[in-house]
PDB file of all heavy atoms in Angstrom:
ATOM      1  N   GLY A   1      10.624  12.944  24.291  1.00  0.00           N
ATOM      2  CA  GLY A   1      11.972  12.689  23.795  1.00  0.00           C
ATOM      3  C   GLY A   1      12.436  11.261  23.942  1.00  0.00           C
ATOM      4  O   GLY A   1      13.620  10.968  23.736  1.00  0.00           O
ATOM      5  N   MET A   2      11.531  10.349  24.262  1.00  0.00           N
ATOM      6  CA  MET A   2      11.932   8.949  24.470  1.00  0.00           C
ATOM      7  C   MET A   2      12.453   8.317  23.175  1.00  0.00           C
ATOM      8  O   MET A   2      13.383   7.503  23.198  1.00  0.00           O
ATOM      9  CB  MET A   2      10.759   8.149  25.022  1.00  0.00           C
ATOM     10  CG  MET A   2      11.103   6.702  25.338  1.00  0.00           C
ATOM     11  SD  MET A   2       9.763   5.814  26.162  1.00  0.00           S
ATOM     12  CE  MET A   2       9.721   6.662  27.739  1.00  0.00           C
ATOM     13  N   TYR A   3      11.851   8.684  22.050  1.00  0.00           N
ATOM     14  CA  TYR A   3      12.254   8.112  20.765  1.00  0.00           C
ATOM     15  C   TYR A   3      12.660   9.252  19.824  1.00  0.00           C
ATOM     16  O   TYR A   3      11.825  10.062  19.430  1.00  0.00           O
ATOM     17  CB  TYR A   3      11.116   7.306  20.148  1.00  0.00           C
ATOM     18  CG  TYR A   3      10.578   6.237  21.063  1.00  0.00           C
ATOM     19  CD1 TYR A   3       9.322   6.370  21.659  1.00  0.00           C
ATOM     20  CD2 TYR A   3      11.328   5.104  21.358  1.00  0.00           C
ATOM     21  CE1 TYR A   3       8.827   5.397  22.506  1.00  0.00           C
ATOM     22  CE2 TYR A   3      10.841   4.129  22.213  1.00  0.00           C
ATOM     23  CZ  TYR A   3       9.595   4.279  22.782  1.00  0.00           C
ATOM     24  OH  TYR A   3       9.101   3.326  23.635  1.00  0.00           O
ATOM     25  N   ARG A   4      13.935   9.288  19.481  1.00  0.00           N
ATOM     26  CA  ARG A   4      14.406  10.344  18.592  1.00  0.00           C
ATOM     27  C   ARG A   4      13.779  10.185  17.209  1.00  0.00           C
ATOM     28  O   ARG A   4      13.653   9.063  16.699  1.00  0.00           O
ATOM     29  CB  ARG A   4      15.931  10.293  18.481  1.00  0.00           C
ATOM     30  CG  ARG A   4      16.643  10.817  19.725  1.00  0.00           C
ATOM     31  CD  ARG A   4      18.111  11.027  19.443  1.00  0.00           C
ATOM     32  NE  ARG A   4      18.805   9.755  19.273  1.00  0.00           N
ATOM     33  CZ  ARG A   4      20.049   9.649  18.797  1.00  0.00           C
ATOM     34  NH1 ARG A   4      20.710  10.725  18.423  1.00  0.00           N
ATOM     35  NH2 ARG A   4      20.615   8.475  18.686  1.00  0.00           N
ATOM     36  N   PRO A   5      13.368  11.289  16.590  1.00  0.00           N
ATOM     37  CA  PRO A   5      12.693  11.174  15.292  1.00  0.00           C
ATOM     38  C   PRO A   5      13.618  10.686  14.186  1.00  0.00           C
ATOM     39  O   PRO A   5      14.757  11.124  14.066  1.00  0.00           O
ATOM     40  CB  PRO A   5      12.213  12.607  15.019  1.00  0.00           C
ATOM     41  CG  PRO A   5      13.051  13.481  15.875  1.00  0.00           C
ATOM     42  CD  PRO A   5      13.414  12.681  17.070  1.00  0.00           C
ATOM     43  N   VAL A   6      13.120   9.743  13.407  1.00  0.00           N
ATOM     44  CA  VAL A   6      13.798   9.248  12.205  1.00  0.00           C
ATOM     45  C   VAL A   6      12.827   9.442  11.049  1.00  0.00           C
ATOM     46  O   VAL A   6      11.686   8.974  11.100  1.00  0.00           O
ATOM     47  CB  VAL A   6      14.191   7.760  12.347  1.00  0.00           C
ATOM     48  CG1 VAL A   6      14.739   7.230  11.036  1.00  0.00           C
ATOM     49  CG2 VAL A   6      15.208   7.584  13.467  1.00  0.00           C
ATOM     50  N   PHE A   7      13.266  10.108  10.009  1.00  0.00           N
ATOM     51  CA  PHE A   7      12.366  10.490   8.924  1.00  0.00           C
ATOM     52  C   PHE A   7      12.448   9.459   7.797  1.00  0.00           C
ATOM     53  O   PHE A   7      13.047   9.687   6.750  1.00  0.00           O
ATOM     54  CB  PHE A   7      12.695  11.899   8.441  1.00  0.00           C
ATOM     55  CG  PHE A   7      12.530  12.926   9.533  1.00  0.00           C
ATOM     56  CD1 PHE A   7      13.616  13.318  10.314  1.00  0.00           C
ATOM     57  CD2 PHE A   7      11.291  13.474   9.813  1.00  0.00           C
ATOM     58  CE1 PHE A   7      13.467  14.252  11.333  1.00  0.00           C
ATOM     59  CE2 PHE A   7      11.124  14.397  10.836  1.00  0.00           C
ATOM     60  CZ  PHE A   7      12.218  14.791  11.593  1.00  0.00           C
ATOM     61  N   GLU A   8      11.837   8.307   8.063  1.00  0.00           N
ATOM     62  CA  GLU A   8      11.733   7.232   7.081  1.00  0.00           C
ATOM     63  C   GLU A   8      10.275   7.092   6.657  1.00  0.00           C
ATOM     64  O   GLU A   8       9.365   7.517   7.366  1.00  0.00           O
ATOM     65  CB  GLU A   8      12.239   5.917   7.673  1.00  0.00           C
ATOM     66  CG  GLU A   8      13.728   5.868   7.965  1.00  0.00           C
ATOM     67  CD  GLU A   8      14.569   5.685   6.713  1.00  0.00           C
ATOM     68  OE1 GLU A   8      13.980   5.385   5.640  1.00  0.00           O
ATOM     69  OE2 GLU A   8      15.795   5.848   6.807  1.00  0.00           O
ATOM     70  N   GLU A   9      10.084   6.486   5.504  1.00  0.00           N
ATOM     71  CA  GLU A   9       8.723   6.282   5.004  1.00  0.00           C
ATOM     72  C   GLU A   9       7.935   5.406   5.968  1.00  0.00           C
ATOM     73  O   GLU A   9       8.445   4.395   6.473  1.00  0.00           O
ATOM     74  CB  GLU A   9       8.757   5.633   3.622  1.00  0.00           C
ATOM     75  CG  GLU A   9       7.389   5.460   2.984  1.00  0.00           C
ATOM     76  CD  GLU A   9       7.449   4.876   1.592  1.00  0.00           C
ATOM     77  OE1 GLU A   9       8.576   4.747   1.056  1.00  0.00           O
ATOM     78  OE2 GLU A   9       6.387   4.544   1.038  1.00  0.00           O
ATOM     79  N   LEU A  10       6.692   5.802   6.235  1.00  0.00           N
ATOM     80  CA  LEU A  10       5.831   5.084   7.166  1.00  0.00           C
ATOM     81  C   LEU A  10       4.564   4.671   6.428  1.00  0.00           C
ATOM     82  O   LEU A  10       3.917   5.499   5.777  1.00  0.00           O
ATOM     83  CB  LEU A  10       5.487   6.002   8.339  1.00  0.00           C
ATOM     84  CG  LEU A  10       4.941   5.362   9.621  1.00  0.00           C
ATOM     85  CD1 LEU A  10       5.978   4.438  10.246  1.00  0.00           C
ATOM     86  CD2 LEU A  10       4.542   6.449  10.614  1.00  0.00           C
ATOM     87  N   ASP A  11       4.211   3.399   6.510  1.00  0.00           N
ATOM     88  CA  ASP A  11       3.012   2.885   5.840  1.00  0.00           C
ATOM     89  C   ASP A  11       1.825   3.022   6.791  1.00  0.00           C
ATOM     90  O   ASP A  11       1.577   2.162   7.634  1.00  0.00           O
ATOM     91  CB  ASP A  11       3.237   1.421   5.444  1.00  0.00           C
ATOM     92  CG  ASP A  11       2.069   0.847   4.652  1.00  0.00           C
ATOM     93  OD1 ASP A  11       1.134   1.605   4.311  1.00  0.00           O
ATOM     94  OD2 ASP A  11       2.085  -0.368   4.373  1.00  0.00           O
ATOM     95  N   ILE A  12       1.080   4.111   6.636  1.00  0.00           N
ATOM     96  CA  ILE A  12      -0.058   4.398   7.506  1.00  0.00           C
ATOM     97  C   ILE A  12      -1.333   3.819   6.887  1.00  0.00           C
ATOM     98  O   ILE A  12      -1.659   4.118   5.746  1.00  0.00           O
ATOM     99  CB  ILE A  12      -0.215   5.912   7.714  1.00  0.00           C
ATOM    100  CG1 ILE A  12       1.029   6.482   8.406  1.00  0.00           C
ATOM    101  CG2 ILE A  12      -1.459   6.231   8.537  1.00  0.00           C
ATOM    102  CD1 ILE A  12       1.066   7.988   8.440  1.00  0.00           C
ATOM    103  N   VAL A  13      -2.045   3.001   7.650  1.00  0.00           N
ATOM    104  CA  VAL A  13      -3.273   2.398   7.133  1.00  0.00           C
ATOM    105  C   VAL A  13      -4.526   2.995   7.761  1.00  0.00           C
ATOM    106  O   VAL A  13      -5.628   2.840   7.242  1.00  0.00           O
ATOM    107  CB  VAL A  13      -3.267   0.863   7.310  1.00  0.00           C
ATOM    108  CG1 VAL A  13      -2.193   0.230   6.440  1.00  0.00           C
ATOM    109  CG2 VAL A  13      -3.055   0.472   8.763  1.00  0.00           C
ATOM    110  N   TYR A  14      -4.369   3.682   8.895  1.00  0.00           N
ATOM    111  CA  TYR A  14      -5.501   4.386   9.513  1.00  0.00           C
ATOM    112  C   TYR A  14      -4.949   5.474  10.421  1.00  0.00           C
ATOM    113  O   TYR A  14      -3.971   5.263  11.139  1.00  0.00           O
ATOM    114  CB  TYR A  14      -6.378   3.439  10.335  1.00  0.00           C
ATOM    115  CG  TYR A  14      -7.549   4.155  10.993  1.00  0.00           C
ATOM    116  CD1 TYR A  14      -8.740   4.339  10.299  1.00  0.00           C
ATOM    117  CD2 TYR A  14      -7.438   4.678  12.279  1.00  0.00           C
ATOM    118  CE1 TYR A  14      -9.807   5.030  10.880  1.00  0.00           C
ATOM    119  CE2 TYR A  14      -8.491   5.363  12.856  1.00  0.00           C
ATOM    120  CZ  TYR A  14      -9.666   5.536  12.162  1.00  0.00           C
ATOM    121  OH  TYR A  14     -10.709   6.223  12.730  1.00  0.00           O
ATOM    122  N   GLU A  15      -5.626   6.637  10.404  1.00  0.00           N
ATOM    123  CA  GLU A  15      -5.218   7.706  11.312  1.00  0.00           C
ATOM    124  C   GLU A  15      -6.391   8.644  11.576  1.00  0.00           C
ATOM    125  O   GLU A  15      -7.163   8.977  10.672  1.00  0.00           O
ATOM    126  CB  GLU A  15      -4.065   8.520  10.727  1.00  0.00           C
ATOM    127  CG  GLU A  15      -3.556   9.601  11.673  1.00  0.00           C
ATOM    128  CD  GLU A  15      -2.377  10.388  11.140  1.00  0.00           C
ATOM    129  OE1 GLU A  15      -2.109  10.312   9.917  1.00  0.00           O
ATOM    130  OE2 GLU A  15      -1.717  11.070  11.947  1.00  0.00           O
ATOM    131  N   ASP A  16      -6.537   9.037  12.836  1.00  0.00           N
ATOM    132  CA  ASP A  16      -7.403  10.145  13.218  1.00  0.00           C
ATOM    133  C   ASP A  16      -6.737  10.860  14.393  1.00  0.00           C
ATOM    134  O   ASP A  16      -5.546  10.643  14.652  1.00  0.00           O
ATOM    135  CB  ASP A  16      -8.841   9.682  13.523  1.00  0.00           C
ATOM    136  CG  ASP A  16      -8.926   8.672  14.664  1.00  0.00           C
ATOM    137  OD1 ASP A  16      -8.048   8.694  15.567  1.00  0.00           O
ATOM    138  OD2 ASP A  16      -9.864   7.855  14.686  1.00  0.00           O
ATOM    139  N   ASP A  17      -7.465  11.703  15.105  1.00  0.00           N
ATOM    140  CA  ASP A  17      -6.856  12.478  16.188  1.00  0.00           C
ATOM    141  C   ASP A  17      -6.634  11.678  17.463  1.00  0.00           C
ATOM    142  O   ASP A  17      -6.098  12.203  18.438  1.00  0.00           O
ATOM    143  CB  ASP A  17      -7.706  13.714  16.497  1.00  0.00           C
ATOM    144  CG  ASP A  17      -7.565  14.789  15.429  1.00  0.00           C
ATOM    145  OD1 ASP A  17      -6.498  14.852  14.796  1.00  0.00           O
ATOM    146  OD2 ASP A  17      -8.534  15.554  15.222  1.00  0.00           O
ATOM    147  N   LEU A  18      -7.029  10.397  17.458  1.00  0.00           N
ATOM    148  CA  LEU A  18      -6.790   9.529  18.615  1.00  0.00           C
ATOM    149  C   LEU A  18      -5.847   8.383  18.289  1.00  0.00           C
ATOM    150  O   LEU A  18      -4.957   8.064  19.073  1.00  0.00           O
ATOM    151  CB  LEU A  18      -8.120   8.958  19.134  1.00  0.00           C
ATOM    152  CG  LEU A  18      -8.008   8.040  20.355  1.00  0.00           C
ATOM    153  CD1 LEU A  18      -7.581   8.832  21.589  1.00  0.00           C
ATOM    154  CD2 LEU A  18      -9.331   7.316  20.612  1.00  0.00           C
ATOM    155  N   LEU A  19      -6.041   7.768  17.119  1.00  0.00           N
ATOM    156  CA  LEU A  19      -5.329   6.545  16.771  1.00  0.00           C
ATOM    157  C   LEU A  19      -4.430   6.732  15.550  1.00  0.00           C
ATOM    158  O   LEU A  19      -4.749   7.492  14.632  1.00  0.00           O
ATOM    159  CB  LEU A  19      -6.325   5.424  16.452  1.00  0.00           C
ATOM    160  CG  LEU A  19      -7.340   5.049  17.528  1.00  0.00           C
ATOM    161  CD1 LEU A  19      -8.301   4.009  16.985  1.00  0.00           C
ATOM    162  CD2 LEU A  19      -6.637   4.527  18.776  1.00  0.00           C
ATOM    163  N   LEU A  20      -3.335   5.989  15.553  1.00  0.00           N
ATOM    164  CA  LEU A  20      -2.480   5.842  14.381  1.00  0.00           C
ATOM    165  C   LEU A  20      -2.189   4.352  14.245  1.00  0.00           C
ATOM    166  O   LEU A  20      -1.676   3.736  15.190  1.00  0.00           O
ATOM    167  CB  LEU A  20      -1.177   6.628  14.545  1.00  0.00           C
ATOM    168  CG  LEU A  20      -0.162   6.482  13.409  1.00  0.00           C
ATOM    169  CD1 LEU A  20      -0.641   7.204  12.159  1.00  0.00           C
ATOM    170  CD2 LEU A  20       1.208   7.009  13.831  1.00  0.00           C
ATOM    171  N   ILE A  21      -2.547   3.766  13.115  1.00  0.00           N
ATOM    172  CA  ILE A  21      -2.279   2.347  12.879  1.00  0.00           C
ATOM    173  C   ILE A  21      -1.364   2.245  11.669  1.00  0.00           C
ATOM    174  O   ILE A  21      -1.693   2.743  10.586  1.00  0.00           O
ATOM    175  CB  ILE A  21      -3.575   1.540  12.652  1.00  0.00           C
ATOM    176  CG1 ILE A  21      -4.539   1.738  13.832  1.00  0.00           C
ATOM    177  CG2 ILE A  21      -3.245   0.056  12.481  1.00  0.00           C
ATOM    178  CD1 ILE A  21      -5.863   1.005  13.684  1.00  0.00           C
ATOM    179  N   VAL A  22      -0.213   1.635  11.872  1.00  0.00           N
ATOM    180  CA  VAL A  22       0.794   1.567  10.814  1.00  0.00           C
ATOM    181  C   VAL A  22       1.158   0.122  10.520  1.00  0.00           C
ATOM    182  O   VAL A  22       1.006  -0.773  11.353  1.00  0.00           O
ATOM    183  CB  VAL A  22       2.060   2.373  11.184  1.00  0.00           C
ATOM    184  CG1 VAL A  22       1.717   3.832  11.431  1.00  0.00           C
ATOM    185  CG2 VAL A  22       2.741   1.790  12.405  1.00  0.00           C
ATOM    186  N   ASN A  23       1.654  -0.093   9.306  1.00  0.00           N
ATOM    187  CA  ASN A  23       2.057  -1.409   8.844  1.00  0.00           C
ATOM    188  C   ASN A  23       3.569  -1.529   9.013  1.00  0.00           C
ATOM    189  O   ASN A  23       4.336  -0.879   8.293  1.00  0.00           O
ATOM    190  CB  ASN A  23       1.647  -1.574   7.378  1.00  0.00           C
ATOM    191  CG  ASN A  23       1.835  -2.988   6.878  1.00  0.00           C
ATOM    192  OD1 ASN A  23       1.777  -3.945   7.650  1.00  0.00           O
ATOM    193  ND2 ASN A  23       2.068  -3.134   5.587  1.00  0.00           N
ATOM    194  N   LYS A  24       3.990  -2.336   9.980  1.00  0.00           N
ATOM    195  CA  LYS A  24       5.422  -2.490  10.272  1.00  0.00           C
ATOM    196  C   LYS A  24       6.070  -3.458   9.281  1.00  0.00           C
ATOM    197  O   LYS A  24       5.576  -4.565   9.083  1.00  0.00           O
ATOM    198  CB  LYS A  24       5.609  -3.028  11.696  1.00  0.00           C
ATOM    199  CG  LYS A  24       7.076  -3.122  12.115  1.00  0.00           C
ATOM    200  CD  LYS A  24       7.240  -3.722  13.501  1.00  0.00           C
ATOM    201  CE  LYS A  24       7.246  -5.236  13.479  1.00  0.00           C
ATOM    202  NZ  LYS A  24       8.454  -5.800  12.809  1.00  0.00           N
ATOM    203  N   PRO A  25       7.176  -3.062   8.660  1.00  0.00           N
ATOM    204  CA  PRO A  25       7.886  -4.014   7.804  1.00  0.00           C
ATOM    205  C   PRO A  25       8.633  -5.045   8.646  1.00  0.00           C
ATOM    206  O   PRO A  25       8.877  -4.824   9.835  1.00  0.00           O
ATOM    207  CB  PRO A  25       8.866  -3.121   7.037  1.00  0.00           C
ATOM    208  CG  PRO A  25       9.105  -1.963   7.945  1.00  0.00           C
ATOM    209  CD  PRO A  25       7.818  -1.746   8.691  1.00  0.00           C
ATOM    210  N   PRO A  26       9.005  -6.166   8.050  1.00  0.00           N
ATOM    211  CA  PRO A  26       9.816  -7.136   8.805  1.00  0.00           C
ATOM    212  C   PRO A  26      11.198  -6.575   9.097  1.00  0.00           C
ATOM    213  O   PRO A  26      11.650  -5.613   8.467  1.00  0.00           O
ATOM    214  CB  PRO A  26       9.886  -8.338   7.854  1.00  0.00           C
ATOM    215  CG  PRO A  26       9.698  -7.763   6.491  1.00  0.00           C
ATOM    216  CD  PRO A  26       8.746  -6.611   6.666  1.00  0.00           C
ATOM    217  N   PHE A  27      11.859  -7.177  10.084  1.00  0.00           N
ATOM    218  CA  PHE A  27      13.221  -6.831  10.487  1.00  0.00           C
ATOM    219  C   PHE A  27      13.322  -5.442  11.123  1.00  0.00           C
ATOM    220  O   PHE A  27      14.402  -4.850  11.153  1.00  0.00           O
ATOM    221  CB  PHE A  27      14.201  -6.931   9.299  1.00  0.00           C
ATOM    222  CG  PHE A  27      14.048  -8.187   8.499  1.00  0.00           C
ATOM    223  CD1 PHE A  27      13.585  -8.147   7.195  1.00  0.00           C
ATOM    224  CD2 PHE A  27      14.339  -9.426   9.054  1.00  0.00           C
ATOM    225  CE1 PHE A  27      13.423  -9.310   6.450  1.00  0.00           C
ATOM    226  CE2 PHE A  27      14.179 -10.597   8.327  1.00  0.00           C
ATOM    227  CZ  PHE A  27      13.721 -10.535   7.021  1.00  0.00           C
ATOM    228  N   LEU A  28      12.194  -4.945  11.645  1.00  0.00           N
ATOM    229  CA  LEU A  28      12.203  -3.652  12.315  1.00  0.00           C
ATOM    230  C   LEU A  28      11.557  -3.821  13.691  1.00  0.00           C
ATOM    231  O   LEU A  28      10.387  -4.200  13.785  1.00  0.00           O
ATOM    232  CB  LEU A  28      11.424  -2.618  11.494  1.00  0.00           C
ATOM    233  CG  LEU A  28      11.392  -1.197  12.065  1.00  0.00           C
ATOM    234  CD1 LEU A  28      12.774  -0.555  11.980  1.00  0.00           C
ATOM    235  CD2 LEU A  28      10.364  -0.345  11.334  1.00  0.00           C
ATOM    236  N   PRO A  29      12.277  -3.535  14.776  1.00  0.00           N
ATOM    237  CA  PRO A  29      11.664  -3.632  16.110  1.00  0.00           C
ATOM    238  C   PRO A  29      10.582  -2.573  16.285  1.00  0.00           C
ATOM    239  O   PRO A  29      10.629  -1.509  15.661  1.00  0.00           O
ATOM    240  CB  PRO A  29      12.842  -3.366  17.067  1.00  0.00           C
ATOM    241  CG  PRO A  29      14.081  -3.473  16.244  1.00  0.00           C
ATOM    242  CD  PRO A  29      13.695  -3.138  14.842  1.00  0.00           C
ATOM    243  N   VAL A  30       9.610  -2.846  17.144  1.00  0.00           N
ATOM    244  CA  VAL A  30       8.605  -1.836  17.461  1.00  0.00           C
ATOM    245  C   VAL A  30       9.241  -0.705  18.252  1.00  0.00           C
ATOM    246  O   VAL A  30       8.920   0.471  18.058  1.00  0.00           O
ATOM    247  CB  VAL A  30       7.429  -2.458  18.235  1.00  0.00           C
ATOM    248  CG1 VAL A  30       6.489  -1.380  18.782  1.00  0.00           C
ATOM    249  CG2 VAL A  30       6.637  -3.410  17.332  1.00  0.00           C
ATOM    250  N   TYR A  31      10.162  -1.022  19.148  1.00  0.00           N
ATOM    251  CA  TYR A  31      10.863   0.001  19.924  1.00  0.00           C
ATOM    252  C   TYR A  31      12.344  -0.373  19.989  1.00  0.00           C
ATOM    253  O   TYR A  31      12.705  -1.555  19.850  1.00  0.00           O
ATOM    254  CB  TYR A  31      10.270   0.133  21.332  1.00  0.00           C
ATOM    255  CG  TYR A  31      10.352  -1.126  22.165  1.00  0.00           C
ATOM    256  CD1 TYR A  31      11.419  -1.328  23.031  1.00  0.00           C
ATOM    257  CD2 TYR A  31       9.370  -2.108  22.077  1.00  0.00           C
ATOM    258  CE1 TYR A  31      11.500  -2.491  23.787  1.00  0.00           C
ATOM    259  CE2 TYR A  31       9.447  -3.262  22.830  1.00  0.00           C
ATOM    260  CZ  TYR A  31      10.512  -3.449  23.681  1.00  0.00           C
ATOM    261  OH  TYR A  31      10.600  -4.600  24.426  1.00  0.00           O
ATOM    262  N   PRO A  32      13.234   0.596  20.186  1.00  0.00           N
ATOM    263  CA  PRO A  32      14.671   0.301  20.152  1.00  0.00           C
ATOM    264  C   PRO A  32      15.152  -0.393  21.417  1.00  0.00           C
ATOM    265  O   PRO A  32      14.529  -0.307  22.473  1.00  0.00           O
ATOM    266  CB  PRO A  32      15.303   1.698  20.020  1.00  0.00           C
ATOM    267  CG  PRO A  32      14.309   2.612  20.665  1.00  0.00           C
ATOM    268  CD  PRO A  32      12.955   2.029  20.378  1.00  0.00           C
ATOM    269  N   ALA A  33      16.291  -1.045  21.300  1.00  0.00           N
ATOM    270  CA  ALA A  33      16.879  -1.752  22.443  1.00  0.00           C
ATOM    271  C   ALA A  33      17.384  -0.786  23.495  1.00  0.00           C
ATOM    272  O   ALA A  33      17.373  -1.090  24.681  1.00  0.00           O
ATOM    273  CB  ALA A  33      18.011  -2.655  21.961  1.00  0.00           C
ATOM    274  N   HIS A  34      17.825   0.390  23.082  1.00  0.00           N
ATOM    275  CA  HIS A  34      18.280   1.422  24.016  1.00  0.00           C
ATOM    276  C   HIS A  34      18.041   2.772  23.366  1.00  0.00           C
ATOM    277  O   HIS A  34      17.792   2.876  22.159  1.00  0.00           O
ATOM    278  CB  HIS A  34      19.750   1.235  24.397  1.00  0.00           C
ATOM    279  CG  HIS A  34      20.657   1.046  23.218  1.00  0.00           C
ATOM    280  ND1 HIS A  34      21.137   2.098  22.456  1.00  0.00           N
ATOM    281  CD2 HIS A  34      21.153  -0.087  22.643  1.00  0.00           C
ATOM    282  CE1 HIS A  34      21.885   1.630  21.487  1.00  0.00           C
ATOM    283  NE2 HIS A  34      21.925   0.308  21.570  1.00  0.00           N
TER     284      HIS A  34
END
């Protein structure tokens, strides 16, 4: 529950059962300030 789900489009470039690699757009933090 650390990060509440937000249902926005996600640019996924690789995924398997261990890793998820996504393409972050500009002006978006990796994690929230609070």
